[in-house]
Amino acid sequence: MTAPRILVVDDEADLRELLEITLIKMGLDVDCADCLDAARRLLQQTEYALVLTDMRLPDGLGIELVREVASLYKNTPIAVITAFGSTDNAVSALKAGAFDYLTKPVALDQLRQMVRSALRIHTTEAGGSASGVSATGGDSCLVGQSVVMRDLRAQIVRLARSMAPVSITGESGSGKELAARDIHAHSARADKPFIAVNCGAIPEALMEAEFFGYRKGAFTGATDDRDGFFQAANGGTLMLDEVADLPLAMQVKLLRAIQERRVRKVGATVEEPVDVRIISATHQNLAECVEQGRFRQDLFYRLNVIELRLPPLRERLDDIGLLSDAILARLALGGTPAVLSPAALNALRAYSFPGNVRELENVLERAMAFANDSAIEVEDLALKQTGPGASASVRPATAAASLSGQPEPVLIPPAPLPVPPVPPVPVGPKMDVADTAEGSNDDVCTAQSGNDLPASLPDYLDQVEREVICRALAKTHFNRTQAAELLGISFRQLRYRMQRLSIHEPES
């Protein structure tokens, strides 16, 4: 089997020789060029598994070669060598399509790690998609066949081949961690660890120890050596979720770890190399955080080399059906999944989902608890009325809606039970139907007359709902099944409302 061939482009003869010897010892074939013109001629004649180029060459800049290789030789990874401290050059090269970068003086252990990663990528792209994940998303974590989702998955496939940091932006609940897992699964690091860290959930005093690890005896309670997130993700991918929540002091330490690719454990005197790809995510606008002084500008540019935006669910409502089927199948735990009625599916597609996919999961899990015979109807969804374009009729709320802390909408009864002016019913621990079935016209609530408003909207809505339910129960002589039918809700929903509003059958 022919050994992979590497092209080294550098005008320093000593460095070229050092790189050539190191690569040959790894069992690789090596060609060398001392300028851009020579490198271009070799690229036309030979297929390379990796190109390694200096940024400053006698007849131009290495970034020119990066752009040409990324455009003309798409299956060939290219990495750059930059001068120590030239962070801007490294970021520019990564944005131009470079796979990775090294800083002078070149650390041979980092060189070997980078070459191994590049060779895995070259082998994968020559033979097909990594981990059997296709650009169409056959095994993708991200469900959906809308145009925006197909474009998103194709973008993930392209950027996964690079080592460049990726910044994922999107609203809460839009699937940022799933996108990060897809990037990892498509990359040459797919067989290495994927570590996701919620930066907002770590106490500030423990951050350094959690990220970089600590030595035994470094502080009270440190009874053993322990690795941090960087060591746990070594060779793989480290996802920093809600990175905007990092305190400024930790941002400085994180920046150094990313730039130097070395970390020092708490209590240690030496740094140790780490090889991780950084993916960050946040629902906040990092550029605005930088302007407000809450996020370091230099760290922002290090993390935001490639930006990946996730669309909110309202921009891909065509995927609601597929997403709902997948969620219901998972919630069924191997049993028969619940099924959405056509009307329920249309109601979901007409809803804006401010909480995105996470809210959809919550809605469906809630609906399953109230569905009859595993058939989810519109009233089981308990969707909240949103926006001026929402339906004029408010859907009945469920027990889960109240338990989640959301205010219940006004219950509008069917035509046989028009709502009269509501008397001010006292909110007490117990109320009999007889107390409200024959309301007096002497104490008519005037909260809606003129410009007066109720002192408490939730209490006022509870009064409206209590009065309507009590009238329905009085009309049916406390037959709750018939009362539920009159009100257009299920028996279970009526029973819950009676418990919540302390409505009880009058004593005989």
Protein backbone atom coordinates (compact mmCIF):
# COMPACT_ATOMS: atom_id res chain seq x y z
CA MET A 1 0.00 0.00 0.00
CA THR A 2 1.38 3.41 -0.99
CA ALA A 3 2.18 5.73 1.90
CA PRO A 4 0.31 9.07 2.02
CA ARG A 5 2.31 11.93 0.52
CA ILE A 6 2.72 15.31 2.21
CA LEU A 7 3.73 18.60 0.60
CA VAL A 8 5.82 20.96 2.78
CA VAL A 9 6.11 24.57 1.58
CA ASP A 10 8.65 26.75 3.43
CA ASP A 11 11.58 28.95 2.44
CA GLU A 12 13.63 28.09 5.56
CA ALA A 13 15.82 25.12 4.66
CA ASP A 14 16.39 24.08 8.29
CA LEU A 15 12.68 23.99 9.08
CA ARG A 16 11.89 22.13 5.86
CA GLU A 17 14.46 19.51 6.78
CA LEU A 18 13.10 19.16 10.34
CA LEU A 19 9.55 18.72 9.06
CA GLU A 20 10.64 16.27 6.38
CA ILE A 21 12.56 14.08 8.83
CA THR A 22 9.66 14.04 11.30
CA LEU A 23 7.13 13.08 8.63
CA ILE A 24 9.33 10.39 7.13
CA LYS A 25 9.72 8.85 10.60
CA MET A 26 5.92 8.66 10.70
CA GLY A 27 6.05 6.49 7.56
CA LEU A 28 4.97 9.21 5.15
CA ASP A 29 6.34 10.33 1.79
CA VAL A 30 7.32 14.00 1.57
CA ASP A 31 7.80 16.57 -1.20
CA CYS A 32 9.22 20.02 -0.42
CA ALA A 33 8.87 23.42 -2.08
CA ASP A 34 10.52 26.73 -1.19
CA CYS A 35 8.01 29.10 -2.84
CA LEU A 36 4.45 29.36 -4.10
CA ASP A 37 5.36 28.77 -7.74
CA ALA A 38 7.11 25.47 -6.96
CA ALA A 39 4.20 24.37 -4.75
CA ARG A 40 1.69 25.04 -7.53
CA ARG A 41 3.65 22.93 -10.00
CA LEU A 42 3.81 20.00 -7.56
CA LEU A 43 0.09 20.24 -6.79
CA GLN A 44 -0.69 19.94 -10.51
CA GLN A 45 1.39 16.77 -10.78
CA THR A 46 0.61 14.90 -7.54
CA GLU A 47 -2.34 14.24 -5.22
CA TYR A 48 -1.39 15.03 -1.64
CA ALA A 49 -2.93 13.84 1.63
CA LEU A 50 -1.87 17.11 3.32
CA VAL A 51 -0.25 20.42 2.40
CA LEU A 52 1.75 22.24 5.08
CA THR A 53 2.72 25.80 4.19
CA ASP A 54 4.44 28.75 5.82
CA MET A 55 2.50 32.02 5.82
CA ARG A 56 5.38 34.15 4.46
CA LEU A 57 7.07 33.01 1.27
CA PRO A 58 9.45 34.75 -1.16
CA ASP A 59 6.87 35.15 -3.92
CA GLY A 60 3.70 35.69 -1.90
CA LEU A 61 1.68 34.70 1.15
CA GLY A 62 0.70 31.23 2.24
CA ILE A 63 -2.92 32.30 2.53
CA GLU A 64 -2.99 32.54 -1.29
CA LEU A 65 -2.11 28.85 -1.44
CA VAL A 66 -4.77 28.11 1.19
CA ARG A 67 -7.46 29.67 -0.98
CA GLU A 68 -6.26 27.85 -4.11
CA VAL A 69 -6.12 24.45 -2.43
CA ALA A 70 -9.54 24.97 -0.80
CA SER A 71 -10.98 25.89 -4.19
CA LEU A 72 -9.16 23.57 -6.61
CA TYR A 73 -8.22 20.58 -4.45
CA LYS A 74 -11.22 20.22 -2.18
CA ASN A 75 -10.23 16.80 -0.79
CA THR A 76 -6.75 17.94 0.23
CA PRO A 77 -6.46 19.43 3.75
CA ILE A 78 -4.02 22.33 4.08
CA ALA A 79 -2.46 23.62 7.30
CA VAL A 80 -0.37 26.75 7.88
CA ILE A 81 2.69 27.63 9.95
CA THR A 82 2.51 31.07 11.54
CA ALA A 83 4.93 33.13 13.57
CA PHE A 84 4.48 32.97 17.35
CA GLY A 85 1.76 35.37 18.48
CA SER A 86 0.34 35.92 14.97
CA THR A 87 -3.18 35.07 16.02
CA ASP A 88 -4.76 37.22 13.33
CA ASN A 89 -2.91 35.31 10.59
CA ALA A 90 -4.07 31.99 11.99
CA VAL A 91 -7.69 33.11 12.16
CA SER A 92 -7.54 34.49 8.60
CA ALA A 93 -6.11 31.20 7.34
CA LEU A 94 -8.82 29.16 9.07
CA LYS A 95 -11.52 31.37 7.60
CA ALA A 96 -9.94 30.96 4.16
CA GLY A 97 -10.27 27.18 4.42
CA ALA A 98 -7.18 25.96 6.30
CA PHE A 99 -7.62 22.73 8.18
CA ASP A 100 -5.41 23.74 11.11
CA TYR A 101 -2.33 25.78 12.01
CA LEU A 102 1.00 25.47 13.86
CA THR A 103 3.02 28.25 15.48
CA LYS A 104 6.79 28.71 15.34
CA PRO A 105 8.83 27.25 16.88
CA VAL A 106 7.00 24.13 15.72
CA ALA A 107 6.28 21.63 18.51
CA LEU A 108 6.79 18.18 16.99
CA ASP A 109 4.17 16.50 19.18
CA GLN A 110 1.55 18.97 17.94
CA LEU A 111 2.74 18.44 14.38
CA ARG A 112 2.24 14.69 14.68
CA GLN A 113 -1.24 15.09 16.17
CA MET A 114 -2.27 17.48 13.43
CA VAL A 115 -0.94 15.21 10.67
CA ARG A 116 -2.81 12.20 12.07
CA SER A 117 -6.05 14.20 12.14
CA ALA A 118 -5.49 15.42 8.58
CA LEU A 119 -4.81 11.91 7.32
CA ARG A 120 -8.03 10.64 8.89
CA ILE A 121 -9.94 13.40 7.13
CA HIS A 122 -8.26 12.65 3.79
CA THR A 123 -9.05 8.94 4.10
CA THR A 124 -12.65 9.65 5.05
CA GLU A 125 -13.25 12.05 2.17
CA ALA A 126 -11.65 9.69 -0.31
CA GLY A 127 -13.94 6.85 0.81
CA GLY A 128 -17.17 8.66 1.68
CA SER A 129 -18.85 10.47 4.56
CA ALA A 130 -17.53 10.05 8.06
CA SER A 131 -19.34 7.66 10.36
CA GLY A 132 -21.79 6.82 7.61
CA VAL A 133 -23.53 10.18 8.03
CA SER A 134 -24.69 11.56 4.73
CA ALA A 135 -25.14 15.15 3.69
CA THR A 136 -28.86 14.54 3.45
CA GLY A 137 -28.97 13.76 7.13
CA GLY A 138 -29.78 10.03 7.09
CA ASP A 139 -28.18 9.52 10.52
CA SER A 140 -28.14 13.15 11.56
CA CYS A 141 -29.26 14.27 15.01
CA LEU A 142 -31.10 17.12 13.29
CA VAL A 143 -34.51 16.00 12.01
CA GLY A 144 -36.18 17.73 9.08
CA GLN A 145 -36.31 17.87 5.30
CA SER A 146 -37.09 21.56 4.82
CA VAL A 147 -34.80 23.60 2.58
CA VAL A 148 -33.13 25.36 5.53
CA MET A 149 -32.40 22.05 7.27
CA ARG A 150 -30.94 20.46 4.14
CA ASP A 151 -28.71 23.51 3.70
CA LEU A 152 -27.71 23.35 7.37
CA ARG A 153 -26.68 19.69 7.17
CA ALA A 154 -24.70 20.33 3.98
CA GLN A 155 -22.91 23.19 5.73
CA ILE A 156 -22.11 20.94 8.68
CA VAL A 157 -20.55 18.37 6.35
CA ARG A 158 -18.31 21.04 4.80
CA LEU A 159 -17.08 22.68 7.98
CA ALA A 160 -16.56 19.40 9.85
CA ARG A 161 -13.37 18.73 7.86
CA SER A 162 -11.64 21.74 9.41
CA MET A 163 -10.09 22.14 12.84
CA ALA A 164 -11.31 25.74 12.97
CA PRO A 165 -13.41 26.70 16.00
CA VAL A 166 -17.15 26.87 15.27
CA SER A 167 -19.57 29.26 16.95
CA ILE A 168 -23.17 28.02 16.89
CA THR A 169 -25.84 30.65 17.36
CA GLY A 170 -29.56 30.21 17.72
CA GLU A 171 -32.51 30.67 20.02
CA SER A 172 -32.95 28.52 23.11
CA GLY A 173 -34.33 25.12 22.22
CA SER A 174 -33.27 25.22 18.55
CA GLY A 175 -30.84 22.27 18.85
CA LYS A 176 -27.37 23.79 19.22
CA GLU A 177 -25.90 20.77 21.03
CA LEU A 178 -27.35 18.41 18.41
CA ALA A 179 -25.65 20.45 15.68
CA ALA A 180 -22.36 20.26 17.60
CA ARG A 181 -22.70 16.48 17.87
CA ASP A 182 -23.33 16.29 14.12
CA ILE A 183 -20.15 18.30 13.44
CA HIS A 184 -18.20 15.91 15.64
CA ALA A 185 -19.78 12.85 14.02
CA HIS A 186 -18.85 14.07 10.53
CA SER A 187 -15.28 14.91 11.49
CA ALA A 188 -12.15 12.78 11.62
CA ARG A 189 -12.51 12.94 15.40
CA ALA A 190 -15.75 10.95 15.41
CA ASP A 191 -14.14 8.04 17.26
CA LYS A 192 -12.80 10.35 19.97
CA PRO A 193 -14.68 11.90 22.92
CA PHE A 194 -17.33 14.57 22.58
CA ILE A 195 -17.60 16.59 25.80
CA ALA A 196 -20.39 19.17 26.23
CA VAL A 197 -20.03 21.72 29.03
CA ASN A 198 -22.68 24.18 30.20
CA CYS A 199 -20.57 27.19 31.13
CA GLY A 200 -23.43 28.82 33.01
CA ALA A 201 -23.86 25.87 35.38
CA ILE A 202 -20.34 25.84 36.89
CA PRO A 203 -19.63 27.91 40.02
CA GLU A 204 -17.00 30.55 39.28
CA ALA A 205 -14.72 29.32 42.08
CA LEU A 206 -14.56 25.84 40.52
CA MET A 207 -14.20 26.79 36.86
CA GLU A 208 -10.43 26.53 36.51
CA ALA A 209 -10.34 23.13 38.24
CA GLU A 210 -13.26 21.84 36.16
CA PHE A 211 -11.81 22.98 32.84
CA PHE A 212 -8.11 22.20 33.38
CA GLY A 213 -8.08 19.64 36.21
CA TYR A 214 -6.05 19.72 39.43
CA ARG A 215 -3.25 18.01 41.29
CA LYS A 216 -3.60 16.16 44.56
CA GLY A 217 -3.34 18.61 47.46
CA ALA A 218 -3.92 21.69 45.28
CA PHE A 219 -6.76 22.76 47.59
CA THR A 220 -8.84 21.39 50.43
CA GLY A 221 -10.68 18.30 49.21
CA ALA A 222 -8.28 17.56 46.32
CA THR A 223 -7.44 14.04 47.48
CA ASP A 224 -6.41 12.76 44.03
CA ASP A 225 -5.21 14.02 40.67
CA ARG A 226 -8.11 14.77 38.38
CA ASP A 227 -8.38 15.63 34.70
CA GLY A 228 -10.51 18.53 33.50
CA PHE A 229 -12.79 18.96 30.51
CA PHE A 230 -9.87 19.66 28.16
CA GLN A 231 -8.08 16.42 29.09
CA ALA A 232 -11.34 14.45 28.89
CA ALA A 233 -11.92 15.74 25.34
CA ASN A 234 -8.31 15.21 24.23
CA GLY A 235 -8.27 14.10 20.60
CA GLY A 236 -11.95 14.93 20.24
CA THR A 237 -14.34 17.86 20.52
CA LEU A 238 -15.10 20.18 23.44
CA MET A 239 -18.40 22.03 23.26
CA LEU A 240 -18.72 25.17 25.38
CA ASP A 241 -22.45 25.74 25.69
CA GLU A 242 -23.67 29.18 26.79
CA VAL A 243 -20.11 30.48 26.52
CA ALA A 244 -21.32 34.06 27.04
CA ASP A 245 -21.89 33.21 30.71
CA LEU A 246 -18.16 32.74 31.37
CA PRO A 247 -16.72 35.34 33.78
CA LEU A 248 -13.99 37.60 32.38
CA ALA A 249 -11.25 36.03 34.53
CA MET A 250 -12.01 32.59 33.07
CA GLN A 251 -12.18 33.99 29.55
CA VAL A 252 -8.49 35.00 29.81
CA LYS A 253 -7.45 31.49 30.83
CA LEU A 254 -9.62 29.89 28.16
CA LEU A 255 -8.10 32.13 25.49
CA ARG A 256 -4.57 31.04 26.42
CA ALA A 257 -5.55 27.36 26.43
CA ILE A 258 -7.07 27.67 22.94
CA GLN A 259 -4.13 29.60 21.50
CA GLU A 260 -1.32 27.56 23.06
CA ARG A 261 -3.14 24.20 23.03
CA ARG A 262 -1.70 23.57 26.44
CA VAL A 263 -3.30 23.62 29.87
CA ARG A 264 -1.88 23.71 33.38
CA LYS A 265 -3.73 21.85 36.10
CA VAL A 266 -4.44 23.69 39.33
CA GLY A 267 -1.45 23.04 41.57
CA ALA A 268 0.83 21.93 38.71
CA THR A 269 4.04 23.67 37.61
CA VAL A 270 4.14 22.55 33.99
CA GLU A 271 1.68 22.70 31.11
CA GLU A 272 0.54 19.65 29.20
CA PRO A 273 -0.48 19.59 25.52
CA VAL A 274 -4.10 18.97 24.58
CA ASP A 275 -5.62 18.38 21.15
CA VAL A 276 -9.25 19.47 21.12
CA ARG A 277 -11.54 21.12 18.64
CA ILE A 278 -13.59 23.90 20.22
CA ILE A 279 -17.26 24.38 19.40
CA SER A 280 -19.02 27.16 21.27
CA ALA A 281 -22.72 27.94 21.46
CA THR A 282 -24.91 30.66 22.92
CA HIS A 283 -28.36 32.13 22.51
CA GLN A 284 -26.94 35.59 23.21
CA ASN A 285 -25.43 37.98 20.68
CA LEU A 286 -21.70 37.72 21.38
CA ALA A 287 -20.90 40.84 19.36
CA GLU A 288 -23.22 42.84 21.61
CA CYS A 289 -21.63 41.24 24.68
CA VAL A 290 -18.24 42.44 23.41
CA GLU A 291 -19.57 45.99 22.96
CA GLN A 292 -20.97 45.92 26.49
CA GLY A 293 -17.65 44.75 27.93
CA ARG A 294 -19.02 41.40 29.11
CA PHE A 295 -17.01 39.31 26.65
CA ARG A 296 -13.39 39.67 25.54
CA GLN A 297 -12.95 40.73 21.94
CA ASP A 298 -9.85 38.56 21.41
CA LEU A 299 -11.68 35.46 22.66
CA PHE A 300 -14.67 36.34 20.47
CA TYR A 301 -12.47 36.31 17.35
CA ARG A 302 -10.86 33.02 18.40
CA LEU A 303 -14.21 31.30 18.87
CA ASN A 304 -16.09 32.90 16.00
CA VAL A 305 -13.88 31.71 13.14
CA ILE A 306 -16.81 29.86 11.55
CA GLU A 307 -20.35 30.84 12.51
CA LEU A 308 -23.21 28.38 12.17
CA ARG A 309 -26.72 29.75 12.64
CA LEU A 310 -29.54 27.41 13.57
CA PRO A 311 -32.98 28.43 12.29
CA PRO A 312 -35.83 28.73 14.82
CA LEU A 313 -38.69 26.29 14.45
CA ARG A 314 -41.01 28.97 13.07
CA GLU A 315 -38.73 29.19 10.01
CA ARG A 316 -39.14 25.47 9.27
CA LEU A 317 -42.73 24.67 10.15
CA ASP A 318 -42.80 22.11 7.32
CA ASP A 319 -40.69 19.89 9.60
CA ILE A 320 -43.31 19.82 12.38
CA GLY A 321 -44.75 16.51 11.19
CA LEU A 322 -41.40 14.70 11.06
CA LEU A 323 -40.28 16.20 14.36
CA SER A 324 -43.55 15.27 16.08
CA ASP A 325 -43.39 11.68 14.83
CA ALA A 326 -39.81 11.33 16.07
CA ILE A 327 -40.61 12.85 19.47
CA LEU A 328 -43.75 10.76 19.98
CA ALA A 329 -41.88 7.58 19.03
CA ARG A 330 -39.19 8.38 21.60
CA LEU A 331 -41.74 9.21 24.29
CA ALA A 332 -43.55 5.92 23.66
CA LEU A 333 -40.52 4.06 25.12
CA GLY A 334 -40.91 1.15 22.72
CA GLY A 335 -44.70 1.04 22.90
CA THR A 336 -47.24 2.26 20.38
CA PRO A 337 -46.65 5.98 19.75
CA ALA A 338 -49.48 8.47 20.07
CA VAL A 339 -50.79 9.93 16.82
CA LEU A 340 -51.62 13.54 15.99
CA SER A 341 -55.00 14.19 14.42
CA PRO A 342 -54.91 16.25 11.21
CA ALA A 343 -56.45 19.18 13.09
CA ALA A 344 -53.82 18.93 15.85
CA LEU A 345 -51.03 18.86 13.27
CA ASN A 346 -52.43 21.94 11.56
CA ALA A 347 -52.65 23.69 14.93
CA LEU A 348 -48.98 22.95 15.58
CA ARG A 349 -48.01 24.28 12.17
CA ALA A 350 -49.93 27.49 12.86
CA TYR A 351 -48.14 28.07 16.17
CA SER A 352 -44.99 30.22 16.39
CA PHE A 353 -43.11 28.12 19.02
CA PRO A 354 -41.11 30.73 20.93
CA GLY A 355 -39.43 27.83 22.74
CA ASN A 356 -38.57 26.03 19.47
CA VAL A 357 -38.07 22.24 19.42
CA ARG A 358 -37.75 22.06 23.19
CA GLU A 359 -41.22 23.61 23.51
CA LEU A 360 -42.60 21.19 20.92
CA GLU A 361 -41.31 18.28 23.01
CA ASN A 362 -42.95 19.76 26.09
CA VAL A 363 -46.27 20.28 24.29
CA LEU A 364 -46.35 16.72 22.94
CA GLU A 365 -45.35 15.12 26.23
CA ARG A 366 -48.10 17.10 27.96
CA ALA A 367 -50.64 16.17 25.29
CA MET A 368 -49.88 12.47 25.62
CA ALA A 369 -50.99 12.58 29.25
CA PHE A 370 -54.42 13.91 28.28
CA ALA A 371 -55.03 12.15 24.97
CA ASN A 372 -57.74 9.53 24.76
CA ASP A 373 -56.77 6.25 23.08
CA SER A 374 -53.37 7.68 22.05
CA ALA A 375 -55.08 10.10 19.66
CA ILE A 376 -53.93 13.68 20.25
CA GLU A 377 -56.56 16.30 19.47
CA VAL A 378 -56.28 20.09 19.36
CA GLU A 379 -57.56 20.56 22.91
CA ASP A 380 -54.92 18.16 24.23
CA LEU A 381 -52.15 20.42 22.92
CA ALA A 382 -53.21 23.40 25.07
CA LEU A 383 -51.38 25.84 22.82
CA LYS A 384 -51.24 29.42 24.02
CA GLN A 385 -52.74 32.18 21.91
CA THR A 386 -49.92 34.25 20.41
CA GLY A 387 -49.78 37.32 18.21
CA PRO A 388 -52.44 39.29 16.36
CA GLY A 389 -52.86 36.53 13.81
CA ALA A 390 -53.84 33.89 16.33
CA SER A 391 -57.22 32.21 16.21
CA ALA A 392 -60.08 34.11 17.83
CA SER A 393 -61.01 31.09 19.92
CA VAL A 394 -58.68 30.26 22.76
CA ARG A 395 -57.91 26.61 23.22
CA PRO A 396 -58.70 25.10 26.62
CA ALA A 397 -55.75 24.74 28.93
CA THR A 398 -54.72 21.48 30.55
CA ALA A 399 -53.48 20.53 33.97
CA ALA A 400 -49.95 20.50 32.72
CA ALA A 401 -50.33 24.06 31.45
CA SER A 402 -51.23 25.25 34.92
CA LEU A 403 -48.54 23.18 36.56
CA SER A 404 -45.96 24.75 34.24
CA GLY A 405 -46.82 28.17 35.65
CA GLN A 406 -48.42 29.52 32.48
CA PRO A 407 -51.67 31.55 32.96
CA GLU A 408 -54.67 29.73 31.59
CA PRO A 409 -56.66 31.40 28.79
CA VAL A 410 -60.27 32.48 29.29
CA LEU A 411 -62.58 29.55 28.79
CA ILE A 412 -65.26 30.56 26.28
CA PRO A 413 -68.27 28.25 26.51
CA PRO A 414 -70.29 27.07 23.52
CA ALA A 415 -73.31 28.95 22.21
CA PRO A 416 -75.92 27.39 24.61
CA LEU A 417 -74.09 29.04 27.50
CA PRO A 418 -73.44 32.73 26.74
CA VAL A 419 -71.31 34.44 29.36
CA PRO A 420 -73.21 37.14 31.30
CA PRO A 421 -71.55 39.83 33.39
CA VAL A 422 -69.59 38.04 36.08
CA PRO A 423 -70.46 38.70 39.74
CA PRO A 424 -67.49 39.17 42.06
CA VAL A 425 -67.15 35.68 43.45
CA PRO A 426 -64.93 35.48 46.55
CA VAL A 427 -61.89 33.26 46.17
CA GLY A 428 -62.17 30.86 49.07
CA PRO A 429 -61.01 27.38 49.95
CA LYS A 430 -64.27 25.78 48.85
CA MET A 431 -67.20 26.77 46.70
CA ASP A 432 -70.47 24.99 46.10
CA VAL A 433 -72.26 25.06 42.80
CA ALA A 434 -75.30 26.47 44.54
CA ASP A 435 -73.31 29.52 45.58
CA THR A 436 -72.86 30.65 41.97
CA ALA A 437 -75.60 28.97 39.96
CA GLU A 438 -78.06 31.70 40.88
CA GLY A 439 -75.88 34.79 40.82
CA SER A 440 -77.49 38.07 41.95
CA ASN A 441 -77.72 40.98 39.55
CA ASP A 442 -77.16 43.42 42.41
CA ASP A 443 -73.42 42.79 42.56
CA VAL A 444 -72.38 42.92 38.93
CA CYS A 445 -68.62 43.11 38.39
CA THR A 446 -67.81 46.28 36.51
CA ALA A 447 -64.12 45.51 35.85
CA GLN A 448 -64.71 45.64 32.11
CA SER A 449 -66.94 48.72 32.08
CA GLY A 450 -65.39 52.05 31.24
CA ASN A 451 -61.64 52.19 31.71
CA ASP A 452 -61.55 50.04 34.87
CA LEU A 453 -59.33 46.98 34.86
CA PRO A 454 -59.25 44.03 37.26
CA ALA A 455 -56.71 44.33 40.06
CA SER A 456 -55.48 40.81 39.30
CA LEU A 457 -55.98 39.29 35.86
CA PRO A 458 -55.39 35.65 36.99
CA ASP A 459 -57.97 36.02 39.79
CA TYR A 460 -60.45 37.63 37.41
CA LEU A 461 -60.02 34.84 34.84
CA ASP A 462 -60.44 32.26 37.59
CA GLN A 463 -63.73 33.93 38.54
CA VAL A 464 -64.92 33.78 34.93
CA GLU A 465 -63.98 30.12 34.58
CA ARG A 466 -65.46 29.19 37.97
CA GLU A 467 -68.79 30.86 37.18
CA VAL A 468 -69.09 29.18 33.77
CA ILE A 469 -68.24 25.73 35.11
CA CYS A 470 -70.69 26.10 37.99
CA ARG A 471 -73.49 27.11 35.62
CA ALA A 472 -72.77 24.12 33.39
CA LEU A 473 -72.82 21.80 36.42
CA ALA A 474 -76.07 23.33 37.68
CA LYS A 475 -77.63 22.94 34.22
CA THR A 476 -76.73 19.22 34.16
CA HIS A 477 -77.59 18.63 37.84
CA PHE A 478 -73.90 18.04 38.52
CA ASN A 479 -73.48 15.40 35.83
CA ARG A 480 -69.81 16.10 35.11
CA THR A 481 -69.72 14.08 31.88
CA GLN A 482 -72.59 16.11 30.39
CA ALA A 483 -71.11 19.35 31.74
CA ALA A 484 -67.81 18.59 30.04
CA GLU A 485 -69.62 17.99 26.76
CA LEU A 486 -71.46 21.30 27.11
CA LEU A 487 -68.16 23.10 27.69
CA GLY A 488 -66.37 21.34 24.84
CA ILE A 489 -63.65 19.85 27.04
CA SER A 490 -62.78 16.36 28.18
CA PHE A 491 -64.01 14.88 31.45
CA ARG A 492 -60.41 14.77 32.71
CA GLN A 493 -59.92 18.47 31.98
CA LEU A 494 -63.15 19.37 33.77
CA ARG A 495 -62.19 17.30 36.81
CA TYR A 496 -58.84 19.03 37.02
CA ARG A 497 -60.40 22.49 36.74
CA MET A 498 -62.87 21.68 39.49
CA GLN A 499 -60.01 20.62 41.76
CA ARG A 500 -57.95 23.71 40.95
CA LEU A 501 -60.85 26.11 41.52
CA SER A 502 -62.15 24.25 44.61
CA ILE A 503 -65.56 23.56 43.07
CA HIS A 504 -67.45 20.85 44.95
CA GLU A 505 -70.91 19.29 44.75
CA PRO A 506 -73.29 21.09 47.13
CA GLU A 507 -74.26 19.12 50.21
CA SER A 508 -77.82 17.80 50.15
